[in-house]
Every structure is written in structure tokens, then in C-alpha cells.
Amino acid sequence: MLDRTDKSGGKLVRDGIPQIIQSRGEVPEIRRAEPDEYHKLLRDKLQEEVDEFLASEDPEELADILEVVHTLGADLGVDAAQLEELRAGKAAKRGGFRDRIVWHGNRTALGAAS
């Protein structure tokens, strides 16, 4: 494992990627992220995966987003079951997005848009 004091460069990859690279006869240059850097890298990875999904609409990219969301949750001390409880609670209280409702603002009692 490469241990650099300069933490610039590189990107967060799935845990199995170094082995995949090695199986191709290549030598990956890797290091372990420090905890504060790890959180930032997870946020960057979430943005990367969201951008990839938006560009492709590939369901596999949604699975990647879920993996990053679960890992971010764990980094914040919230496991997948707790995340699901939070999601379900918000859905029960405010609904989901399945009804395709688009909000354009409110009207006053006299009918003028506010």
C-alpha cells in the first residue's frame, strides 16, 4: 500500500477494486483515507454517482448511489435500518414523490399568487 503524506489526488473506490487491478497483473497505488478526508471523499463520491446516474439513467448507478448513501450514513453513525426508518417516517408524515406533484407557490385567500 502506498502511504503518501500528500493527500491530494486519488479518488475513493470500492474495497474490491485493488484486488481487481491486481488480478489484471497491475499494481494499484492506494492508501487509506484519514477519517475527516474520508467523509469529504464520500460526499465527492456521492456527487460522482449522482452525476453518472443523471447522465445515463442506468439503475446500476442508483445502486451505486445507495451504496454511498449507506456508507455515508454509517460514517455519521446511522445504519441502513435507521436510514430506512427516517425515510419511512418522512414519507408517512409528508408523503413520497410517486404522485408527481409539482408545486408552483401559494395563492392568498383572494386568489393572488404569493
C-alpha atoms as a PDB file:
ATOM      1  CA  MET A   1       0.000   0.000   0.000  1.00  0.00           C
ATOM      2  CA  LEU A   2       1.304   3.436  -0.921  1.00  0.00           C
ATOM      3  CA  ASP A   3       1.457   5.760   2.070  1.00  0.00           C
ATOM      4  CA  ARG A   4       1.605   9.373   0.970  1.00  0.00           C
ATOM      5  CA  THR A   5       1.746  12.336   3.254  1.00  0.00           C
ATOM      6  CA  ASP A   6       0.338  14.428   0.392  1.00  0.00           C
ATOM      7  CA  LYS A   7      -3.350  13.562   0.428  1.00  0.00           C
ATOM      8  CA  SER A   8      -4.206  15.373  -2.785  1.00  0.00           C
ATOM      9  CA  GLY A   9      -5.290  13.384  -5.767  1.00  0.00           C
ATOM     10  CA  GLY A  10      -6.824   9.983  -5.967  1.00  0.00           C
ATOM     11  CA  LYS A  11     -10.438   9.041  -5.524  1.00  0.00           C
ATOM     12  CA  LEU A  12     -12.417   6.787  -3.269  1.00  0.00           C
ATOM     13  CA  VAL A  13     -13.052   3.382  -4.831  1.00  0.00           C
ATOM     14  CA  ARG A  14     -14.897   0.243  -3.753  1.00  0.00           C
ATOM     15  CA  ASP A  15     -12.986  -2.043  -1.397  1.00  0.00           C
ATOM     16  CA  GLY A  16     -12.524  -4.777  -4.017  1.00  0.00           C
ATOM     17  CA  ILE A  17     -11.003  -2.572  -6.712  1.00  0.00           C
ATOM     18  CA  PRO A  18      -7.345  -3.123  -5.677  1.00  0.00           C
ATOM     19  CA  GLN A  19      -7.804  -6.906  -6.000  1.00  0.00           C
ATOM     20  CA  ILE A  20      -9.444  -6.495  -9.401  1.00  0.00           C
ATOM     21  CA  ILE A  21      -6.496  -4.386 -10.561  1.00  0.00           C
ATOM     22  CA  GLN A  22      -4.043  -6.971  -9.193  1.00  0.00           C
ATOM     23  CA  SER A  23      -5.890  -9.782 -10.988  1.00  0.00           C
ATOM     24  CA  ARG A  24      -5.074  -7.988 -14.246  1.00  0.00           C
ATOM     25  CA  GLY A  25      -1.368  -8.108 -13.400  1.00  0.00           C
ATOM     26  CA  GLU A  26      -1.174  -4.438 -12.444  1.00  0.00           C
ATOM     27  CA  VAL A  27      -0.091  -2.908  -9.135  1.00  0.00           C
ATOM     28  CA  PRO A  28      -2.570  -0.408  -7.662  1.00  0.00           C
ATOM     29  CA  GLU A  29      -1.197   2.601  -5.813  1.00  0.00           C
ATOM     30  CA  ILE A  30      -3.515   3.062  -2.847  1.00  0.00           C
ATOM     31  CA  ARG A  31      -3.651   4.469   0.663  1.00  0.00           C
ATOM     32  CA  ARG A  32      -6.303   4.636   3.365  1.00  0.00           C
ATOM     33  CA  ALA A  33      -8.117   7.936   3.807  1.00  0.00           C
ATOM     34  CA  GLU A  34      -7.971   9.694   7.150  1.00  0.00           C
ATOM     35  CA  PRO A  35     -11.400   9.973   8.871  1.00  0.00           C
ATOM     36  CA  ASP A  36     -12.001  13.657   8.049  1.00  0.00           C
ATOM     37  CA  GLU A  37     -10.806  13.158   4.479  1.00  0.00           C
ATOM     38  CA  TYR A  38     -12.949  10.001   4.170  1.00  0.00           C
ATOM     39  CA  HIS A  39     -16.159  11.940   4.838  1.00  0.00           C
ATOM     40  CA  LYS A  40     -15.281  14.503   2.162  1.00  0.00           C
ATOM     41  CA  LEU A  41     -14.359  11.739  -0.289  1.00  0.00           C
ATOM     42  CA  LEU A  42     -17.700  10.033   0.380  1.00  0.00           C
ATOM     43  CA  ARG A  43     -19.506  13.289  -0.382  1.00  0.00           C
ATOM     44  CA  ASP A  44     -17.481  13.645  -3.587  1.00  0.00           C
ATOM     45  CA  LYS A  45     -18.287  10.018  -4.499  1.00  0.00           C
ATOM     46  CA  LEU A  46     -21.997  10.659  -3.925  1.00  0.00           C
ATOM     47  CA  GLN A  47     -21.880  13.603  -6.333  1.00  0.00           C
ATOM     48  CA  GLU A  48     -19.956  11.498  -8.871  1.00  0.00           C
ATOM     49  CA  GLU A  49     -22.512   8.679  -8.693  1.00  0.00           C
ATOM     50  CA  VAL A  50     -25.466  11.081  -8.923  1.00  0.00           C
ATOM     51  CA  ASP A  51     -23.891  12.741 -11.974  1.00  0.00           C
ATOM     52  CA  GLU A  52     -23.343   9.313 -13.574  1.00  0.00           C
ATOM     53  CA  PHE A  53     -26.974   8.364 -12.945  1.00  0.00           C
ATOM     54  CA  LEU A  54     -28.262  11.657 -14.339  1.00  0.00           C
ATOM     55  CA  ALA A  55     -26.181  11.143 -17.483  1.00  0.00           C
ATOM     56  CA  SER A  56     -27.194   7.514 -18.029  1.00  0.00           C
ATOM     57  CA  GLU A  57     -30.378   6.755 -16.031  1.00  0.00           C
ATOM     58  CA  ASP A  58     -28.812   3.315 -15.506  1.00  0.00           C
ATOM     59  CA  PRO A  59     -30.353   1.531 -12.482  1.00  0.00           C
ATOM     60  CA  GLU A  60     -26.872   0.219 -11.584  1.00  0.00           C
ATOM     61  CA  GLU A  61     -25.890   3.821 -10.903  1.00  0.00           C
ATOM     62  CA  LEU A  62     -28.826   4.046  -8.474  1.00  0.00           C
ATOM     63  CA  ALA A  63     -27.392   1.002  -6.703  1.00  0.00           C
ATOM     64  CA  ASP A  64     -24.041   2.807  -6.505  1.00  0.00           C
ATOM     65  CA  ILE A  65     -25.795   5.835  -5.016  1.00  0.00           C
ATOM     66  CA  LEU A  66     -27.421   3.606  -2.388  1.00  0.00           C
ATOM     67  CA  GLU A  67     -24.051   2.074  -1.509  1.00  0.00           C
ATOM     68  CA  VAL A  68     -22.553   5.518  -0.972  1.00  0.00           C
ATOM     69  CA  VAL A  69     -25.620   6.713   0.985  1.00  0.00           C
ATOM     70  CA  HIS A  70     -25.423   3.685   3.291  1.00  0.00           C
ATOM     71  CA  THR A  71     -21.687   4.236   3.787  1.00  0.00           C
ATOM     72  CA  LEU A  72     -22.183   7.948   4.469  1.00  0.00           C
ATOM     73  CA  GLY A  73     -24.894   7.079   6.955  1.00  0.00           C
ATOM     74  CA  ALA A  74     -22.578   4.643   8.717  1.00  0.00           C
ATOM     75  CA  ASP A  75     -19.883   7.318   8.806  1.00  0.00           C
ATOM     76  CA  LEU A  76     -22.415   9.555  10.569  1.00  0.00           C
ATOM     77  CA  GLY A  77     -23.383   6.772  12.967  1.00  0.00           C
ATOM     78  CA  VAL A  78     -26.657   5.879  11.231  1.00  0.00           C
ATOM     79  CA  ASP A  79     -27.106   2.342   9.898  1.00  0.00           C
ATOM     80  CA  ALA A  80     -29.218   1.290   6.905  1.00  0.00           C
ATOM     81  CA  ALA A  81     -32.185   0.330   9.104  1.00  0.00           C
ATOM     82  CA  GLN A  82     -32.139   3.733  10.803  1.00  0.00           C
ATOM     83  CA  LEU A  83     -31.952   5.465   7.419  1.00  0.00           C
ATOM     84  CA  GLU A  84     -34.969   3.473   6.282  1.00  0.00           C
ATOM     85  CA  GLU A  85     -36.846   4.443   9.463  1.00  0.00           C
ATOM     86  CA  LEU A  86     -36.053   8.109   8.789  1.00  0.00           C
ATOM     87  CA  ARG A  87     -37.180   7.767   5.174  1.00  0.00           C
ATOM     88  CA  ALA A  88     -40.387   5.938   6.100  1.00  0.00           C
ATOM     89  CA  GLY A  89     -41.180   8.461   8.829  1.00  0.00           C
ATOM     90  CA  LYS A  90     -40.854  11.373   6.437  1.00  0.00           C
ATOM     91  CA  ALA A  91     -42.927   9.529   3.834  1.00  0.00           C
ATOM     92  CA  ALA A  92     -45.657   8.829   6.396  1.00  0.00           C
ATOM     93  CA  LYS A  93     -45.693  12.443   7.550  1.00  0.00           C
ATOM     94  CA  ARG A  94     -45.199  14.300   4.251  1.00  0.00           C
ATOM     95  CA  GLY A  95     -45.648  11.669   1.553  1.00  0.00           C
ATOM     96  CA  GLY A  96     -43.261  10.465  -1.100  1.00  0.00           C
ATOM     97  CA  PHE A  97     -42.816  11.587  -4.691  1.00  0.00           C
ATOM     98  CA  ARG A  98     -44.901   8.974  -6.523  1.00  0.00           C
ATOM     99  CA  ASP A  99     -47.877  11.271  -7.178  1.00  0.00           C
ATOM    100  CA  ARG A 100     -45.679  13.534  -9.384  1.00  0.00           C
ATOM    101  CA  ILE A 101     -46.902  16.721  -7.666  1.00  0.00           C
ATOM    102  CA  VAL A 102     -45.234  19.916  -8.879  1.00  0.00           C
ATOM    103  CA  TRP A 103     -45.645  22.960  -6.635  1.00  0.00           C
ATOM    104  CA  HIS A 104     -45.841  26.479  -8.135  1.00  0.00           C
ATOM    105  CA  GLY A 105     -46.307  28.516  -4.966  1.00  0.00           C
ATOM    106  CA  ASN A 106     -49.376  29.548  -2.954  1.00  0.00           C
ATOM    107  CA  ARG A 107     -52.326  31.818  -3.522  1.00  0.00           C
ATOM    108  CA  THR A 108     -53.764  34.123  -0.933  1.00  0.00           C
ATOM    109  CA  ALA A 109     -57.380  33.731   0.083  1.00  0.00           C
ATOM    110  CA  LEU A 110     -58.252  36.342  -2.570  1.00  0.00           C
ATOM    111  CA  GLY A 111     -56.662  34.268  -5.330  1.00  0.00           C
ATOM    112  CA  ALA A 112     -53.463  36.244  -5.985  1.00  0.00           C
ATOM    113  CA  ALA A 113     -50.293  34.189  -6.189  1.00  0.00           C
ATOM    114  CA  SER A 114     -47.872  34.778  -3.335  1.00  0.00           C
END
